[in-house]
Amino acid sequence: MKERRSLIDWFWWLVLIVWSLTILFPLVWVLYESLKTNREFFQDVWSLPGQLQWANYGKAWSKYGIGDAMVNTLYYVGVTLLVGTFITTINAYALTRMEFRGRRLLWGVIMLSLFLPGINALIPQYVVMRELHLTNSLTGLIILDSFGENVFFLMLLGGFMQALPKELEESAYIDGATLFQVFRRIIVPLSMPGIVTVAIFKFLALYNNFLSPFIYLSDQKKYTIGVSMYSANQMMQYTSDWVTLFAGVMMAMVPSVLMFVFFKRWIIEGATLGAVKG
């Protein structure tokens, strides 16, 4: 028997539809503006393009350095994602599966850091990076973001690992397995759904990261996609080539959109992963 929808169900359904339209409309608007000429854009920002100007995308790729910025972003995000996810996995395992003196205190300090705004560490971090000669370097940025643990990711993966049966490790130790073998052959495979979810969230956070690259990178050839688009936006006061900028914005959105399309199930489930598994 079909379940009848109540009036409140229809109300929330309508709210979600309106909310979705407020998100989709700007994206669609930027898309068709990127296919106009500048003359068409300044004549009427709401009209559709007379002829599709796909050349705007090639112009944005070369003129505003979108191609170089994509390569820089791929290097920065890819290496940071691999190193950072590995470190988060080890930390989550140590804090949830291993017994050692001071573990509860350490967890308490980590939880306390949730109440401290991250902007407070900005100046000390910059001073340290400058003294180590790691400013204006993508590698330095990778080191900073790889070892700068995010408490949310640690809690998310830690909550998943806590639900794994302790007997699995005990049986492995009886069979002569080492600590590293238990971690590699038992914990990591069983925690793979949680690890993948954390990796997806890390990717989205790193790809959309603007503040750190903006502060630490001064060479335009090393800009990530976020800083490159900001730089292009600053040029508009001199060039007013808005349609090319819109084309660059559309290209910059592609990796994030593809990530969501292919991994949307993991992203949605990841929002409650730690709570369900913990």
Protein backbone atom coordinates (compact mmCIF):
# COMPACT_ATOMS: atom_id res chain seq x y z
CA MET A 1 0.00 0.00 0.00
CA LYS A 2 1.33 3.40 -1.00
CA GLU A 3 2.14 5.74 1.82
CA ARG A 4 0.17 8.98 1.52
CA ARG A 5 2.10 12.21 1.72
CA SER A 6 0.96 14.66 4.34
CA LEU A 7 0.72 18.41 3.85
CA ILE A 8 3.94 18.95 5.80
CA ASP A 9 5.73 16.47 3.47
CA TRP A 10 4.65 18.47 0.43
CA PHE A 11 5.73 21.67 2.14
CA TRP A 12 9.27 20.39 2.79
CA TRP A 13 9.40 18.93 -0.72
CA LEU A 14 8.60 22.40 -2.11
CA VAL A 15 11.22 24.00 0.15
CA LEU A 16 13.88 21.57 -1.10
CA ILE A 17 12.92 22.24 -4.73
CA VAL A 18 13.21 26.00 -4.24
CA TRP A 19 16.52 25.56 -2.42
CA SER A 20 17.84 23.39 -5.27
CA LEU A 21 16.86 26.04 -7.81
CA THR A 22 18.72 28.75 -5.87
CA ILE A 23 21.85 26.58 -6.17
CA LEU A 24 21.40 25.52 -9.80
CA PHE A 25 20.35 28.90 -11.22
CA PRO A 26 23.72 30.69 -10.66
CA LEU A 27 25.56 27.72 -12.19
CA VAL A 28 23.36 27.71 -15.29
CA TRP A 29 23.65 31.49 -15.57
CA VAL A 30 27.47 31.38 -15.43
CA LEU A 31 27.44 28.58 -18.03
CA TYR A 32 25.52 30.47 -20.70
CA GLU A 33 27.29 33.75 -19.91
CA SER A 34 30.60 31.97 -20.58
CA LEU A 35 29.37 31.22 -24.12
CA LYS A 36 28.63 34.85 -25.02
CA THR A 37 30.74 37.62 -26.43
CA ASN A 38 31.60 40.53 -24.13
CA ARG A 39 29.35 42.77 -26.22
CA GLU A 40 26.37 40.46 -25.66
CA PHE A 41 27.16 40.28 -21.96
CA PHE A 42 27.16 44.06 -21.47
CA GLN A 43 24.06 44.55 -23.65
CA ASP A 44 21.87 42.15 -21.65
CA VAL A 45 23.13 39.83 -18.92
CA TRP A 46 19.91 37.78 -19.01
CA SER A 47 19.70 37.06 -22.74
CA LEU A 48 20.89 33.80 -24.25
CA PRO A 49 24.01 33.83 -26.47
CA GLY A 50 23.37 34.39 -30.16
CA GLN A 51 26.19 32.01 -31.11
CA LEU A 52 28.05 29.70 -28.72
CA GLN A 53 31.56 31.07 -28.11
CA TRP A 54 33.51 27.93 -27.17
CA ALA A 55 36.71 29.83 -27.89
CA ASN A 56 36.25 31.56 -24.52
CA TYR A 57 37.33 28.32 -22.82
CA GLY A 58 40.55 28.06 -24.80
CA LYS A 59 41.25 31.71 -24.08
CA ALA A 60 40.71 31.21 -20.34
CA TRP A 61 42.94 28.13 -20.37
CA SER A 62 45.89 30.09 -21.79
CA LYS A 63 45.28 33.77 -20.92
CA TYR A 64 44.48 33.27 -17.23
CA GLY A 65 46.79 30.30 -16.74
CA ILE A 66 44.01 27.81 -15.95
CA GLY A 67 46.07 25.00 -17.50
CA ASP A 68 49.16 25.66 -15.35
CA ALA A 69 46.99 26.21 -12.28
CA MET A 70 45.27 22.85 -12.85
CA VAL A 71 48.65 21.09 -13.00
CA ASN A 72 49.78 22.83 -9.80
CA THR A 73 46.49 21.94 -8.10
CA LEU A 74 46.77 18.32 -9.22
CA TYR A 75 50.24 18.09 -7.69
CA TYR A 76 49.25 19.87 -4.48
CA VAL A 77 45.96 18.04 -3.95
CA GLY A 78 47.20 14.62 -5.10
CA VAL A 79 50.30 14.41 -2.92
CA THR A 80 48.63 16.05 0.10
CA LEU A 81 45.67 13.68 -0.24
CA LEU A 82 47.86 10.57 -0.24
CA VAL A 83 50.14 11.65 2.60
CA GLY A 84 47.40 13.29 4.67
CA THR A 85 44.99 10.35 4.41
CA PHE A 86 47.75 7.92 5.42
CA ILE A 87 48.64 10.05 8.45
CA THR A 88 44.98 10.39 9.45
CA THR A 89 44.53 6.61 9.21
CA ILE A 90 47.57 5.95 11.43
CA ASN A 91 46.48 8.57 13.97
CA ALA A 92 42.93 7.23 14.11
CA TYR A 93 44.25 3.69 14.63
CA ALA A 94 46.63 4.75 17.40
CA LEU A 95 44.00 6.77 19.24
CA THR A 96 41.15 4.26 19.00
CA ARG A 97 42.72 0.77 18.86
CA MET A 98 45.90 1.07 20.94
CA GLU A 99 46.12 1.35 24.72
CA PHE A 100 48.83 3.63 26.08
CA ARG A 101 49.28 6.04 28.95
CA GLY A 102 47.91 9.49 28.27
CA ARG A 103 45.60 8.41 25.43
CA ARG A 104 42.49 9.94 27.05
CA LEU A 105 44.38 13.14 27.79
CA LEU A 106 45.53 13.32 24.20
CA TRP A 107 41.96 12.85 22.94
CA GLY A 108 40.86 15.59 25.33
CA VAL A 109 43.42 18.03 23.96
CA ILE A 110 42.36 17.15 20.42
CA MET A 111 38.70 17.77 21.28
CA LEU A 112 39.67 21.07 22.90
CA SER A 113 41.21 22.22 19.63
CA LEU A 114 37.72 22.15 18.09
CA PHE A 115 36.89 25.27 20.11
CA LEU A 116 39.94 27.19 18.91
CA PRO A 117 39.54 29.12 15.64
CA GLY A 118 42.08 27.92 13.08
CA ILE A 119 42.87 31.51 12.12
CA ASN A 120 44.73 31.84 15.47
CA ALA A 121 47.49 29.57 14.16
CA LEU A 122 47.95 31.53 10.95
CA ILE A 123 50.75 33.84 12.11
CA PRO A 124 52.78 31.19 14.02
CA GLN A 125 52.49 28.84 11.04
CA TYR A 126 53.68 31.50 8.64
CA VAL A 127 56.67 32.38 10.84
CA VAL A 128 57.67 28.71 11.05
CA MET A 129 57.24 28.21 7.30
CA ARG A 130 59.30 31.33 6.58
CA GLU A 131 62.13 30.26 8.89
CA LEU A 132 62.19 26.83 7.20
CA HIS A 133 62.27 28.51 3.75
CA LEU A 134 59.06 26.74 2.74
CA THR A 135 57.08 29.79 1.60
CA ASN A 136 56.33 30.27 -2.10
CA SER A 137 56.65 26.51 -2.53
CA LEU A 138 54.01 23.96 -3.44
CA THR A 139 56.05 21.32 -1.62
CA GLY A 140 56.04 23.47 1.51
CA LEU A 141 52.28 23.84 1.18
CA ILE A 142 51.97 20.05 0.88
CA ILE A 143 53.99 19.56 4.07
CA LEU A 144 51.85 22.09 5.95
CA ASP A 145 48.49 20.62 4.93
CA SER A 146 49.59 16.97 5.14
CA PHE A 147 50.79 17.14 8.73
CA GLY A 148 48.18 19.66 9.86
CA GLU A 149 45.65 17.10 11.13
CA ASN A 150 41.96 17.93 10.83
CA VAL A 151 40.01 16.94 13.96
CA PHE A 152 36.82 16.28 11.99
CA PHE A 153 38.50 13.69 9.76
CA LEU A 154 40.18 12.10 12.77
CA MET A 155 36.87 11.77 14.62
CA LEU A 156 35.12 10.47 11.52
CA LEU A 157 37.60 7.68 10.85
CA GLY A 158 38.18 7.02 14.56
CA GLY A 159 34.47 6.46 15.08
CA PHE A 160 34.46 3.89 12.28
CA MET A 161 37.50 2.03 13.62
CA GLN A 162 36.09 1.85 17.13
CA ALA A 163 33.26 -0.36 15.87
CA LEU A 164 35.63 -3.06 14.55
CA PRO A 165 35.72 -6.20 16.74
CA LYS A 166 38.74 -6.33 19.05
CA GLU A 167 38.92 -10.12 18.65
CA LEU A 168 40.25 -9.74 15.10
CA GLU A 169 43.44 -8.09 16.36
CA GLU A 170 43.80 -10.50 19.28
CA SER A 171 43.57 -13.51 16.95
CA ALA A 172 46.19 -11.99 14.65
CA TYR A 173 48.58 -11.37 17.55
CA ILE A 174 48.15 -14.99 18.71
CA ASP A 175 49.10 -16.12 15.19
CA GLY A 176 52.31 -14.09 15.45
CA ALA A 177 51.35 -10.97 13.47
CA THR A 178 53.19 -7.75 14.22
CA LEU A 179 51.51 -4.44 14.96
CA PHE A 180 52.17 -3.17 11.44
CA GLN A 181 50.82 -6.40 9.88
CA VAL A 182 47.62 -6.11 11.91
CA PHE A 183 47.23 -2.51 10.78
CA ARG A 184 47.95 -3.26 7.11
CA ARG A 185 46.11 -6.57 6.69
CA ILE A 186 43.16 -6.21 9.06
CA ILE A 187 42.43 -2.63 10.09
CA VAL A 188 43.01 -0.90 6.75
CA PRO A 189 40.91 -3.32 4.60
CA LEU A 190 38.01 -3.31 7.09
CA SER A 191 38.18 0.48 7.46
CA MET A 192 38.33 1.14 3.71
CA PRO A 193 34.78 2.62 3.49
CA GLY A 194 35.73 5.13 6.19
CA ILE A 195 39.12 5.86 4.62
CA VAL A 196 37.56 6.48 1.20
CA THR A 197 34.98 8.81 2.74
CA VAL A 198 37.70 10.79 4.54
CA ALA A 199 39.72 10.95 1.30
CA ILE A 200 36.72 12.39 -0.57
CA PHE A 201 36.16 15.07 2.04
CA LYS A 202 39.88 15.84 2.07
CA PHE A 203 39.88 16.21 -1.71
CA LEU A 204 36.99 18.67 -1.65
CA ALA A 205 38.60 20.65 1.18
CA LEU A 206 42.02 20.77 -0.52
CA TYR A 207 40.70 21.59 -3.98
CA ASN A 208 38.62 24.46 -2.59
CA ASN A 209 41.39 25.64 -0.26
CA PHE A 210 42.12 29.29 -0.99
CA LEU A 211 43.60 30.89 2.12
CA SER A 212 46.81 28.84 2.47
CA PRO A 213 47.86 28.99 -1.21
CA PHE A 214 46.96 32.69 -1.28
CA ILE A 215 49.15 33.44 1.75
CA TYR A 216 52.15 31.21 0.99
CA LEU A 217 52.42 31.41 -2.81
CA SER A 218 53.72 34.61 -4.37
CA ASP A 219 54.91 33.28 -7.74
CA GLN A 220 52.07 33.31 -10.28
CA LYS A 221 53.47 30.20 -11.98
CA LYS A 222 52.82 28.24 -8.75
CA TYR A 223 49.23 29.39 -8.20
CA THR A 224 46.57 26.79 -7.50
CA ILE A 225 43.21 27.04 -9.25
CA GLY A 226 41.56 29.06 -6.46
CA VAL A 227 44.29 31.70 -6.35
CA SER A 228 44.48 31.79 -10.14
CA MET A 229 40.76 32.53 -10.40
CA TYR A 230 41.09 35.25 -7.75
CA SER A 231 43.95 36.81 -9.71
CA ALA A 232 41.86 36.68 -12.90
CA ASN A 233 38.98 38.34 -11.09
CA GLN A 234 41.28 41.17 -9.96
CA MET A 235 42.22 41.77 -13.61
CA MET A 236 38.60 42.52 -14.52
CA GLN A 237 38.94 46.12 -13.35
CA TYR A 238 41.41 46.62 -16.21
CA THR A 239 40.15 44.26 -18.94
CA SER A 240 36.41 43.63 -18.25
CA ASP A 241 36.68 40.33 -20.12
CA TRP A 242 33.95 38.75 -18.00
CA VAL A 243 32.89 35.99 -20.40
CA THR A 244 36.41 34.55 -20.39
CA LEU A 245 36.44 34.71 -16.59
CA PHE A 246 33.12 32.83 -16.49
CA ALA A 247 34.61 30.17 -18.77
CA GLY A 248 37.49 29.81 -16.31
CA VAL A 249 35.02 29.48 -13.43
CA MET A 250 33.19 26.67 -15.23
CA MET A 251 36.45 24.79 -15.84
CA ALA A 252 37.48 25.27 -12.22
CA MET A 253 34.23 23.64 -11.07
CA VAL A 254 34.62 20.50 -13.19
CA PRO A 255 36.78 18.39 -10.79
CA SER A 256 34.50 19.08 -7.80
CA VAL A 257 31.37 18.32 -9.82
CA LEU A 258 32.84 15.07 -11.15
CA MET A 259 33.89 14.08 -7.64
CA PHE A 260 30.34 14.55 -6.40
CA VAL A 261 28.76 12.75 -9.38
CA PHE A 262 30.91 9.63 -9.01
CA PHE A 263 31.17 9.54 -5.22
CA LYS A 264 27.90 11.12 -4.07
CA ARG A 265 26.87 7.97 -2.16
CA TRP A 266 30.11 8.06 -0.15
CA ILE A 267 29.75 11.79 0.49
CA ILE A 268 26.17 11.48 1.75
CA GLU A 269 26.93 8.43 3.91
CA GLY A 270 30.07 10.07 5.24
CA ALA A 271 28.09 12.82 6.93
CA THR A 272 26.85 10.28 9.52
CA LEU A 273 29.55 7.61 9.23
CA GLY A 274 31.24 8.27 12.56
CA ALA A 275 27.94 8.53 14.43
CA VAL A 276 26.56 5.29 13.01
CA LYS A 277 29.72 3.27 13.39
CA GLY A 278 30.69 4.73 16.74
